[in-house]
Amino acid sequence: SEEEEWNRLEPVLNALKGKISVPVSVDTYYPYVAEKAAKA
């Protein structure tokens, strides 16, 4: 589900902040996840 996918991605995206300098891409076809990933 989109909720489960986001639950897997959210801690990784949050933990990556400040750790790498290159762009992060998120592999998803859910608009819900895309919106949250962009904010993260």
PDB file of all heavy atoms in Angstrom:
ATOM      1  N   SER A   1       0.833  -1.199   0.000  1.00  0.00           N
ATOM      2  CA  SER A   1       0.000   0.000   0.000  1.00  0.00           C
ATOM      3  C   SER A   1       0.865   1.245   0.000  1.00  0.00           C
ATOM      4  O   SER A   1       2.067   1.198   0.323  1.00  0.00           O
ATOM      5  CB  SER A   1      -0.902   0.016   1.234  1.00  0.00           C
ATOM      6  OG  SER A   1      -0.125   0.194   2.410  1.00  0.00           O
ATOM      7  N   GLU A   2       0.266   2.368  -0.333  1.00  0.00           N
ATOM      8  CA  GLU A   2       1.013   3.625  -0.317  1.00  0.00           C
ATOM      9  C   GLU A   2       1.490   3.956   1.103  1.00  0.00           C
ATOM     10  O   GLU A   2       2.580   4.509   1.290  1.00  0.00           O
ATOM     11  CB  GLU A   2       0.169   4.767  -0.881  1.00  0.00           C
ATOM     12  CG  GLU A   2      -1.149   4.988  -0.179  1.00  0.00           C
ATOM     13  CD  GLU A   2      -2.026   6.012  -0.890  1.00  0.00           C
ATOM     14  OE1 GLU A   2      -1.781   6.320  -2.066  1.00  0.00           O
ATOM     15  OE2 GLU A   2      -2.968   6.513  -0.232  1.00  0.00           O
ATOM     16  N   GLU A   3       0.672   3.591   2.107  1.00  0.00           N
ATOM     17  CA  GLU A   3       1.067   3.848   3.493  1.00  0.00           C
ATOM     18  C   GLU A   3       2.280   3.013   3.891  1.00  0.00           C
ATOM     19  O   GLU A   3       3.213   3.514   4.529  1.00  0.00           O
ATOM     20  CB  GLU A   3      -0.097   3.555   4.448  1.00  0.00           C
ATOM     21  CG  GLU A   3      -1.259   4.524   4.356  1.00  0.00           C
ATOM     22  CD  GLU A   3      -2.216   4.170   3.223  1.00  0.00           C
ATOM     23  OE1 GLU A   3      -2.016   3.110   2.583  1.00  0.00           O
ATOM     24  OE2 GLU A   3      -3.155   4.960   2.996  1.00  0.00           O
ATOM     25  N   GLU A   4       2.282   1.731   3.513  1.00  0.00           N
ATOM     26  CA  GLU A   4       3.415   0.865   3.837  1.00  0.00           C
ATOM     27  C   GLU A   4       4.666   1.317   3.097  1.00  0.00           C
ATOM     28  O   GLU A   4       5.770   1.328   3.661  1.00  0.00           O
ATOM     29  CB  GLU A   4       3.088  -0.584   3.474  1.00  0.00           C
ATOM     30  CG  GLU A   4       4.255  -1.560   3.622  1.00  0.00           C
ATOM     31  CD  GLU A   4       4.759  -1.681   5.044  1.00  0.00           C
ATOM     32  OE1 GLU A   4       4.006  -1.356   5.997  1.00  0.00           O
ATOM     33  OE2 GLU A   4       5.925  -2.100   5.213  1.00  0.00           O
ATOM     34  N   GLU A   5       4.514   1.691   1.845  1.00  0.00           N
ATOM     35  CA  GLU A   5       5.668   2.173   1.088  1.00  0.00           C
ATOM     36  C   GLU A   5       6.262   3.402   1.756  1.00  0.00           C
ATOM     37  O   GLU A   5       7.497   3.509   1.906  1.00  0.00           O
ATOM     38  CB  GLU A   5       5.273   2.484  -0.355  1.00  0.00           C
ATOM     39  CG  GLU A   5       6.460   2.893  -1.231  1.00  0.00           C
ATOM     40  CD  GLU A   5       6.056   3.132  -2.671  1.00  0.00           C
ATOM     41  OE1 GLU A   5       6.086   2.179  -3.461  1.00  0.00           O
ATOM     42  OE2 GLU A   5       5.696   4.281  -3.003  1.00  0.00           O
ATOM     43  N   TRP A   6       5.412   4.324   2.156  1.00  0.00           N
ATOM     44  CA  TRP A   6       5.911   5.532   2.801  1.00  0.00           C
ATOM     45  C   TRP A   6       6.551   5.220   4.159  1.00  0.00           C
ATOM     46  O   TRP A   6       7.573   5.820   4.526  1.00  0.00           O
ATOM     47  CB  TRP A   6       4.801   6.566   2.971  1.00  0.00           C
ATOM     48  CG  TRP A   6       5.268   7.788   3.703  1.00  0.00           C
ATOM     49  CD1 TRP A   6       4.806   8.292   4.870  1.00  0.00           C
ATOM     50  CD2 TRP A   6       6.345   8.659   3.305  1.00  0.00           C
ATOM     51  NE1 TRP A   6       5.507   9.409   5.236  1.00  0.00           N
ATOM     52  CE2 TRP A   6       6.459   9.652   4.289  1.00  0.00           C
ATOM     53  CE3 TRP A   6       7.208   8.677   2.214  1.00  0.00           C
ATOM     54  CZ2 TRP A   6       7.411  10.664   4.222  1.00  0.00           C
ATOM     55  CZ3 TRP A   6       8.164   9.677   2.141  1.00  0.00           C
ATOM     56  CH2 TRP A   6       8.260  10.668   3.135  1.00  0.00           C
ATOM     57  N   ASN A   7       6.001   4.261   4.901  1.00  0.00           N
ATOM     58  CA  ASN A   7       6.588   3.881   6.186  1.00  0.00           C
ATOM     59  C   ASN A   7       8.014   3.345   6.015  1.00  0.00           C
ATOM     60  O   ASN A   7       8.848   3.499   6.910  1.00  0.00           O
ATOM     61  CB  ASN A   7       5.722   2.823   6.878  1.00  0.00           C
ATOM     62  CG  ASN A   7       4.436   3.401   7.432  1.00  0.00           C
ATOM     63  OD1 ASN A   7       4.330   4.609   7.669  1.00  0.00           O
ATOM     64  ND2 ASN A   7       3.442   2.559   7.647  1.00  0.00           N
ATOM     65  N   ARG A   8       8.283   2.727   4.874  1.00  0.00           N
ATOM     66  CA  ARG A   8       9.638   2.237   4.593  1.00  0.00           C
ATOM     67  C   ARG A   8      10.574   3.372   4.175  1.00  0.00           C
ATOM     68  O   ARG A   8      11.753   3.377   4.527  1.00  0.00           O
ATOM     69  CB  ARG A   8       9.593   1.182   3.483  1.00  0.00           C
ATOM     70  CG  ARG A   8       8.865  -0.094   3.849  1.00  0.00           C
ATOM     71  CD  ARG A   8       8.790  -1.034   2.648  1.00  0.00           C
ATOM     72  NE  ARG A   8       8.111  -2.286   2.969  1.00  0.00           N
ATOM     73  CZ  ARG A   8       7.913  -3.270   2.090  1.00  0.00           C
ATOM     74  NH1 ARG A   8       8.349  -3.139   0.844  1.00  0.00           N
ATOM     75  NH2 ARG A   8       7.289  -4.375   2.454  1.00  0.00           N
ATOM     76  N   LEU A   9      10.037   4.316   3.425  1.00  0.00           N
ATOM     77  CA  LEU A   9      10.864   5.382   2.863  1.00  0.00           C
ATOM     78  C   LEU A   9      11.141   6.520   3.843  1.00  0.00           C
ATOM     79  O   LEU A   9      12.247   7.084   3.849  1.00  0.00           O
ATOM     80  CB  LEU A   9      10.192   5.962   1.621  1.00  0.00           C
ATOM     81  CG  LEU A   9      10.113   5.050   0.401  1.00  0.00           C
ATOM     82  CD1 LEU A   9       9.189   5.656  -0.651  1.00  0.00           C
ATOM     83  CD2 LEU A   9      11.498   4.813  -0.185  1.00  0.00           C
ATOM     84  N   GLU A  10      10.162   6.870   4.657  1.00  0.00           N
ATOM     85  CA  GLU A  10      10.283   8.059   5.506  1.00  0.00           C
ATOM     86  C   GLU A  10      11.530   8.043   6.397  1.00  0.00           C
ATOM     87  O   GLU A  10      12.282   9.039   6.413  1.00  0.00           O
ATOM     88  CB  GLU A  10       9.026   8.224   6.363  1.00  0.00           C
ATOM     89  CG  GLU A  10       9.061   9.477   7.229  1.00  0.00           C
ATOM     90  CD  GLU A  10       7.812   9.660   8.060  1.00  0.00           C
ATOM     91  OE1 GLU A  10       7.092   8.655   8.279  1.00  0.00           O
ATOM     92  OE2 GLU A  10       7.554  10.799   8.496  1.00  0.00           O
ATOM     93  N   PRO A  11      11.798   6.963   7.138  1.00  0.00           N
ATOM     94  CA  PRO A  11      12.993   7.012   7.995  1.00  0.00           C
ATOM     95  C   PRO A  11      14.294   7.125   7.217  1.00  0.00           C
ATOM     96  O   PRO A  11      15.262   7.735   7.695  1.00  0.00           O
ATOM     97  CB  PRO A  11      12.920   5.690   8.782  1.00  0.00           C
ATOM     98  CG  PRO A  11      12.011   4.806   7.997  1.00  0.00           C
ATOM     99  CD  PRO A  11      11.043   5.715   7.326  1.00  0.00           C
ATOM    100  N   VAL A  12      14.329   6.572   6.017  1.00  0.00           N
ATOM    101  CA  VAL A  12      15.536   6.656   5.202  1.00  0.00           C
ATOM    102  C   VAL A  12      15.745   8.079   4.709  1.00  0.00           C
ATOM    103  O   VAL A  12      16.847   8.638   4.803  1.00  0.00           O
ATOM    104  CB  VAL A  12      15.470   5.683   4.011  1.00  0.00           C
ATOM    105  CG1 VAL A  12      16.695   5.835   3.125  1.00  0.00           C
ATOM    106  CG2 VAL A  12      15.343   4.248   4.503  1.00  0.00           C
ATOM    107  N   LEU A  13      14.692   8.699   4.181  1.00  0.00           N
ATOM    108  CA  LEU A  13      14.811  10.071   3.679  1.00  0.00           C
ATOM    109  C   LEU A  13      15.185  11.032   4.796  1.00  0.00           C
ATOM    110  O   LEU A  13      16.026  11.929   4.603  1.00  0.00           O
ATOM    111  CB  LEU A  13      13.502  10.501   3.020  1.00  0.00           C
ATOM    112  CG  LEU A  13      13.101   9.741   1.753  1.00  0.00           C
ATOM    113  CD1 LEU A  13      11.755  10.236   1.240  1.00  0.00           C
ATOM    114  CD2 LEU A  13      14.166   9.875   0.666  1.00  0.00           C
ATOM    115  N   ASN A  14      14.580  10.856   5.959  1.00  0.00           N
ATOM    116  CA  ASN A  14      14.917  11.727   7.088  1.00  0.00           C
ATOM    117  C   ASN A  14      16.371  11.536   7.523  1.00  0.00           C
ATOM    118  O   ASN A  14      17.066  12.506   7.831  1.00  0.00           O
ATOM    119  CB  ASN A  14      13.978  11.448   8.262  1.00  0.00           C
ATOM    120  CG  ASN A  14      12.575  11.985   8.017  1.00  0.00           C
ATOM    121  OD1 ASN A  14      12.386  12.919   7.242  1.00  0.00           O
ATOM    122  ND2 ASN A  14      11.580  11.400   8.667  1.00  0.00           N
ATOM    123  N   ALA A  15      16.829  10.289   7.535  1.00  0.00           N
ATOM    124  CA  ALA A  15      18.194   9.998   7.973  1.00  0.00           C
ATOM    125  C   ALA A  15      19.239  10.467   6.964  1.00  0.00           C
ATOM    126  O   ALA A  15      20.390  10.721   7.328  1.00  0.00           O
ATOM    127  CB  ALA A  15      18.359   8.502   8.235  1.00  0.00           C
ATOM    128  N   LEU A  16      18.853  10.574   5.693  1.00  0.00           N
ATOM    129  CA  LEU A  16      19.796  10.999   4.653  1.00  0.00           C
ATOM    130  C   LEU A  16      20.076  12.501   4.678  1.00  0.00           C
ATOM    131  O   LEU A  16      21.087  12.948   4.133  1.00  0.00           O
ATOM    132  CB  LEU A  16      19.268  10.619   3.269  1.00  0.00           C
ATOM    133  CG  LEU A  16      19.439   9.171   2.831  1.00  0.00           C
ATOM    134  CD1 LEU A  16      18.734   8.930   1.505  1.00  0.00           C
ATOM    135  CD2 LEU A  16      20.918   8.811   2.722  1.00  0.00           C
ATOM    136  N   LYS A  17      19.215  13.267   5.313  1.00  0.00           N
ATOM    137  CA  LYS A  17      19.390  14.724   5.325  1.00  0.00           C
ATOM    138  C   LYS A  17      20.721  15.093   5.956  1.00  0.00           C
ATOM    139  O   LYS A  17      21.045  14.694   7.066  1.00  0.00           O
ATOM    140  CB  LYS A  17      18.244  15.375   6.089  1.00  0.00           C
ATOM    141  CG  LYS A  17      16.895  15.258   5.399  1.00  0.00           C
ATOM    142  CD  LYS A  17      15.768  15.850   6.239  1.00  0.00           C
ATOM    143  CE  LYS A  17      14.428  15.698   5.548  1.00  0.00           C
ATOM    144  NZ  LYS A  17      13.302  16.183   6.377  1.00  0.00           N
ATOM    145  N   GLY A  18      21.502  15.846   5.190  1.00  0.00           N
ATOM    146  CA  GLY A  18      22.797  16.279   5.676  1.00  0.00           C
ATOM    147  C   GLY A  18      23.902  15.248   5.542  1.00  0.00           C
ATOM    148  O   GLY A  18      25.062  15.537   5.827  1.00  0.00           O
ATOM    149  N   LYS A  19      23.548  14.041   5.083  1.00  0.00           N
ATOM    150  CA  LYS A  19      24.546  12.969   4.970  1.00  0.00           C
ATOM    151  C   LYS A  19      25.131  12.870   3.555  1.00  0.00           C
ATOM    152  O   LYS A  19      26.258  12.416   3.389  1.00  0.00           O
ATOM    153  CB  LYS A  19      23.916  11.625   5.333  1.00  0.00           C
ATOM    154  CG  LYS A  19      23.335  11.532   6.737  1.00  0.00           C
ATOM    155  CD  LYS A  19      24.420  11.407   7.775  1.00  0.00           C
ATOM    156  CE  LYS A  19      23.903  10.877   9.109  1.00  0.00           C
ATOM    157  NZ  LYS A  19      22.616  11.383   9.553  1.00  0.00           N
ATOM    158  N   ILE A  20      24.336  13.238   2.546  1.00  0.00           N
ATOM    159  CA  ILE A  20      24.820  13.197   1.171  1.00  0.00           C
ATOM    160  C   ILE A  20      24.495  14.529   0.500  1.00  0.00           C
ATOM    161  O   ILE A  20      23.584  15.247   0.925  1.00  0.00           O
ATOM    162  CB  ILE A  20      24.201  12.027   0.354  1.00  0.00           C
ATOM    163  CG1 ILE A  20      22.678  12.160   0.278  1.00  0.00           C
ATOM    164  CG2 ILE A  20      24.606  10.686   0.950  1.00  0.00           C
ATOM    165  CD1 ILE A  20      22.036  11.114  -0.633  1.00  0.00           C
ATOM    166  N   SER A  21      25.231  14.834  -0.555  1.00  0.00           N
ATOM    167  CA  SER A  21      25.039  16.126  -1.227  1.00  0.00           C
ATOM    168  C   SER A  21      24.425  15.984  -2.614  1.00  0.00           C
ATOM    169  O   SER A  21      24.097  16.988  -3.246  1.00  0.00           O
ATOM    170  CB  SER A  21      26.384  16.859  -1.342  1.00  0.00           C
ATOM    171  OG  SER A  21      27.316  16.082  -2.070  1.00  0.00           O
ATOM    172  N   VAL A  22      24.271  14.745  -3.096  1.00  0.00           N
ATOM    173  CA  VAL A  22      23.693  14.535  -4.426  1.00  0.00           C
ATOM    174  C   VAL A  22      22.170  14.436  -4.320  1.00  0.00           C
ATOM    175  O   VAL A  22      21.636  14.171  -3.243  1.00  0.00           O
ATOM    176  CB  VAL A  22      24.267  13.256  -5.081  1.00  0.00           C
ATOM    177  CG1 VAL A  22      25.755  13.403  -5.306  1.00  0.00           C
ATOM    178  CG2 VAL A  22      23.948  12.017  -4.244  1.00  0.00           C
ATOM    179  N   PRO A  23      21.449  14.645  -5.422  1.00  0.00           N
ATOM    180  CA  PRO A  23      19.983  14.562  -5.383  1.00  0.00           C
ATOM    181  C   PRO A  23      19.501  13.161  -5.009  1.00  0.00           C
ATOM    182  O   PRO A  23      20.110  12.153  -5.373  1.00  0.00           O
ATOM    183  CB  PRO A  23      19.567  14.906  -6.822  1.00  0.00           C
ATOM    184  CG  PRO A  23      20.748  15.548  -7.439  1.00  0.00           C
ATOM    185  CD  PRO A  23      21.951  15.018  -6.756  1.00  0.00           C
ATOM    186  N   VAL A  24      18.368  13.131  -4.310  1.00  0.00           N
ATOM    187  CA  VAL A  24      17.715  11.877  -3.958  1.00  0.00           C
ATOM    188  C   VAL A  24      16.467  11.711  -4.817  1.00  0.00           C
ATOM    189  O   VAL A  24      15.641  12.617  -4.925  1.00  0.00           O
ATOM    190  CB  VAL A  24      17.332  11.834  -2.468  1.00  0.00           C
ATOM    191  CG1 VAL A  24      16.508  10.583  -2.152  1.00  0.00           C
ATOM    192  CG2 VAL A  24      18.570  11.880  -1.595  1.00  0.00           C
ATOM    193  N   SER A  25      16.371  10.549  -5.435  1.00  0.00           N
ATOM    194  CA  SER A  25      15.202  10.170  -6.229  1.00  0.00           C
ATOM    195  C   SER A  25      14.412   9.134  -5.445  1.00  0.00           C
ATOM    196  O   SER A  25      14.987   8.294  -4.753  1.00  0.00           O
ATOM    197  CB  SER A  25      15.665   9.588  -7.571  1.00  0.00           C
ATOM    198  OG  SER A  25      14.613   8.924  -8.234  1.00  0.00           O
ATOM    199  N   VAL A  26      13.092   9.189  -5.554  1.00  0.00           N
ATOM    200  CA  VAL A  26      12.246   8.185  -4.909  1.00  0.00           C
ATOM    201  C   VAL A  26      11.484   7.424  -5.983  1.00  0.00           C
ATOM    202  O   VAL A  26      10.814   8.011  -6.831  1.00  0.00           O
ATOM    203  CB  VAL A  26      11.274   8.832  -3.900  1.00  0.00           C
ATOM    204  CG1 VAL A  26      10.192   7.849  -3.482  1.00  0.00           C
ATOM    205  CG2 VAL A  26      12.035   9.303  -2.673  1.00  0.00           C
ATOM    206  N   ASP A  27      11.618   6.112  -5.940  1.00  0.00           N
ATOM    207  CA  ASP A  27      10.994   5.210  -6.904  1.00  0.00           C
ATOM    208  C   ASP A  27       9.585   4.888  -6.416  1.00  0.00           C
ATOM    209  O   ASP A  27       9.404   4.062  -5.509  1.00  0.00           O
ATOM    210  CB  ASP A  27      11.858   3.944  -7.000  1.00  0.00           C
ATOM    211  CG  ASP A  27      11.406   2.996  -8.096  1.00  0.00           C
ATOM    212  OD1 ASP A  27      10.275   3.147  -8.579  1.00  0.00           O
ATOM    213  OD2 ASP A  27      12.185   2.097  -8.447  1.00  0.00           O
ATOM    214  N   THR A  28       8.586   5.559  -6.983  1.00  0.00           N
ATOM    215  CA  THR A  28       7.196   5.345  -6.564  1.00  0.00           C
ATOM    216  C   THR A  28       6.234   5.697  -7.684  1.00  0.00           C
ATOM    217  O   THR A  28       6.532   6.550  -8.511  1.00  0.00           O
ATOM    218  CB  THR A  28       6.848   6.179  -5.314  1.00  0.00           C
ATOM    219  OG1 THR A  28       5.521   5.831  -4.863  1.00  0.00           O
ATOM    220  CG2 THR A  28       6.888   7.674  -5.610  1.00  0.00           C
ATOM    221  N   TYR A  29       5.077   5.027  -7.698  1.00  0.00           N
ATOM    222  CA  TYR A  29       4.020   5.433  -8.617  1.00  0.00           C
ATOM    223  C   TYR A  29       2.814   5.956  -7.859  1.00  0.00           C
ATOM    224  O   TYR A  29       1.755   6.193  -8.444  1.00  0.00           O
ATOM    225  CB  TYR A  29       3.619   4.288  -9.555  1.00  0.00           C
ATOM    226  CG  TYR A  29       3.352   2.956  -8.888  1.00  0.00           C
ATOM    227  CD1 TYR A  29       2.164   2.711  -8.210  1.00  0.00           C
ATOM    228  CD2 TYR A  29       4.279   1.930  -8.975  1.00  0.00           C
ATOM    229  CE1 TYR A  29       1.911   1.488  -7.619  1.00  0.00           C
ATOM    230  CE2 TYR A  29       4.048   0.694  -8.390  1.00  0.00           C
ATOM    231  CZ  TYR A  29       2.856   0.481  -7.708  1.00  0.00           C
ATOM    232  OH  TYR A  29       2.619  -0.747  -7.127  1.00  0.00           O
ATOM    233  N   TYR A  30       2.975   6.163  -6.556  1.00  0.00           N
ATOM    234  CA  TYR A  30       1.893   6.706  -5.730  1.00  0.00           C
ATOM    235  C   TYR A  30       2.048   8.222  -5.580  1.00  0.00           C
ATOM    236  O   TYR A  30       3.050   8.689  -5.023  1.00  0.00           O
ATOM    237  CB  TYR A  30       1.913   6.091  -4.337  1.00  0.00           C
ATOM    238  CG  TYR A  30       1.537   4.639  -4.255  1.00  0.00           C
ATOM    239  CD1 TYR A  30       2.348   3.733  -3.574  1.00  0.00           C
ATOM    240  CD2 TYR A  30       0.353   4.168  -4.825  1.00  0.00           C
ATOM    241  CE1 TYR A  30       2.001   2.399  -3.462  1.00  0.00           C
ATOM    242  CE2 TYR A  30      -0.002   2.835  -4.716  1.00  0.00           C
ATOM    243  CZ  TYR A  30       0.813   1.949  -4.036  1.00  0.00           C
ATOM    244  OH  TYR A  30       0.463   0.620  -3.932  1.00  0.00           O
ATOM    245  N   PRO A  31       1.077   9.025  -6.015  1.00  0.00           N
ATOM    246  CA  PRO A  31       1.155  10.470  -5.800  1.00  0.00           C
ATOM    247  C   PRO A  31       1.259  10.842  -4.321  1.00  0.00           C
ATOM    248  O   PRO A  31       1.972  11.790  -3.967  1.00  0.00           O
ATOM    249  CB  PRO A  31      -0.157  10.987  -6.410  1.00  0.00           C
ATOM    250  CG  PRO A  31      -0.501   9.968  -7.459  1.00  0.00           C
ATOM    251  CD  PRO A  31      -0.075   8.659  -6.885  1.00  0.00           C
ATOM    252  N   TYR A  32       0.569  10.091  -3.476  1.00  0.00           N
ATOM    253  CA  TYR A  32       0.631  10.317  -2.019  1.00  0.00           C
ATOM    254  C   TYR A  32       2.074  10.244  -1.530  1.00  0.00           C
ATOM    255  O   TYR A  32       2.553  11.107  -0.780  1.00  0.00           O
ATOM    256  CB  TYR A  32      -0.233   9.264  -1.331  1.00  0.00           C
ATOM    257  CG  TYR A  32      -0.060   9.143   0.167  1.00  0.00           C
ATOM    258  CD1 TYR A  32      -0.777   9.950   1.041  1.00  0.00           C
ATOM    259  CD2 TYR A  32       0.805   8.185   0.708  1.00  0.00           C
ATOM    260  CE1 TYR A  32      -0.636   9.817   2.431  1.00  0.00           C
ATOM    261  CE2 TYR A  32       0.963   8.046   2.073  1.00  0.00           C
ATOM    262  CZ  TYR A  32       0.242   8.862   2.928  1.00  0.00           C
ATOM    263  OH  TYR A  32       0.389   8.725   4.289  1.00  0.00           O
ATOM    264  N   VAL A  33       2.795   9.216  -1.958  1.00  0.00           N
ATOM    265  CA  VAL A  33       4.194   9.041  -1.553  1.00  0.00           C
ATOM    266  C   VAL A  33       5.071  10.115  -2.187  1.00  0.00           C
ATOM    267  O   VAL A  33       5.978  10.655  -1.542  1.00  0.00           O
ATOM    268  CB  VAL A  33       4.696   7.636  -1.930  1.00  0.00           C
ATOM    269  CG1 VAL A  33       6.189   7.491  -1.642  1.00  0.00           C
ATOM    270  CG2 VAL A  33       3.906   6.558  -1.184  1.00  0.00           C
ATOM    271  N   ALA A  34       4.798  10.444  -3.441  1.00  0.00           N
ATOM    272  CA  ALA A  34       5.582  11.473  -4.128  1.00  0.00           C
ATOM    273  C   ALA A  34       5.502  12.809  -3.386  1.00  0.00           C
ATOM    274  O   ALA A  34       6.519  13.487  -3.198  1.00  0.00           O
ATOM    275  CB  ALA A  34       5.089  11.634  -5.562  1.00  0.00           C
ATOM    276  N   GLU A  35       4.311  13.178  -2.965  1.00  0.00           N
ATOM    277  CA  GLU A  35       4.126  14.442  -2.249  1.00  0.00           C
ATOM    278  C   GLU A  35       4.906  14.449  -0.940  1.00  0.00           C
ATOM    279  O   GLU A  35       5.599  15.414  -0.610  1.00  0.00           O
ATOM    280  CB  GLU A  35       2.643  14.673  -1.973  1.00  0.00           C
ATOM    281  CG  GLU A  35       1.823  14.988  -3.214  1.00  0.00           C
ATOM    282  CD  GLU A  35       0.333  15.086  -2.926  1.00  0.00           C
ATOM    283  OE1 GLU A  35      -0.056  14.894  -1.748  1.00  0.00           O
ATOM    284  OE2 GLU A  35      -0.439  15.351  -3.865  1.00  0.00           O
ATOM    285  N   LYS A  36       4.781  13.373  -0.182  1.00  0.00           N
ATOM    286  CA  LYS A  36       5.462  13.297   1.104  1.00  0.00           C
ATOM    287  C   LYS A  36       6.976  13.229   0.925  1.00  0.00           C
ATOM    288  O   LYS A  36       7.735  13.825   1.700  1.00  0.00           O
ATOM    289  CB  LYS A  36       4.947  12.095   1.901  1.00  0.00           C
ATOM    290  CG  LYS A  36       3.546  12.290   2.466  1.00  0.00           C
ATOM    291  CD  LYS A  36       3.150  11.168   3.391  1.00  0.00           C
ATOM    292  CE  LYS A  36       1.869  11.495   4.145  1.00  0.00           C
ATOM    293  NZ  LYS A  36       2.030  12.639   5.075  1.00  0.00           N
ATOM    294  N   ALA A  37       7.423  12.499  -0.102  1.00  0.00           N
ATOM    295  CA  ALA A  37       8.857  12.377  -0.347  1.00  0.00           C
ATOM    296  C   ALA A  37       9.463  13.726  -0.710  1.00  0.00           C
ATOM    297  O   ALA A  37      10.570  14.063  -0.256  1.00  0.00           O
ATOM    298  CB  ALA A  37       9.104  11.368  -1.461  1.00  0.00           C
ATOM    299  N   ALA A  38       8.765  14.501  -1.529  1.00  0.00           N
ATOM    300  CA  ALA A  38       9.264  15.824  -1.906  1.00  0.00           C
ATOM    301  C   ALA A  38       9.402  16.720  -0.678  1.00  0.00           C
ATOM    302  O   ALA A  38      10.391  17.446  -0.528  1.00  0.00           O
ATOM    303  CB  ALA A  38       8.335  16.456  -2.931  1.00  0.00           C
ATOM    304  N   LYS A  39       8.431  16.656   0.221  1.00  0.00           N
ATOM    305  CA  LYS A  39       8.493  17.453   1.451  1.00  0.00           C
ATOM    306  C   LYS A  39       9.636  16.995   2.349  1.00  0.00           C
ATOM    307  O   LYS A  39      10.183  17.787   3.130  1.00  0.00           O
ATOM    308  CB  LYS A  39       7.165  17.372   2.196  1.00  0.00           C
ATOM    309  CG  LYS A  39       6.027  18.092   1.494  1.00  0.00           C
ATOM    310  CD  LYS A  39       4.715  17.930   2.244  1.00  0.00           C
ATOM    311  CE  LYS A  39       3.574  18.625   1.499  1.00  0.00           C
ATOM    312  NZ  LYS A  39       2.266  18.418   2.179  1.00  0.00           N
ATOM    313  N   ALA A  40      10.002  15.706   2.229  1.00  0.00           N
ATOM    314  CA  ALA A  40      11.081  15.152   3.050  1.00  0.00           C
ATOM    315  C   ALA A  40      12.450  15.324   2.403  1.00  0.00           C
ATOM    316  O   ALA A  40      13.454  14.856   2.944  1.00  0.00           O
ATOM    317  CB  ALA A  40      10.813  13.677   3.329  1.00  0.00           C
TER     318      ALA A  40
END
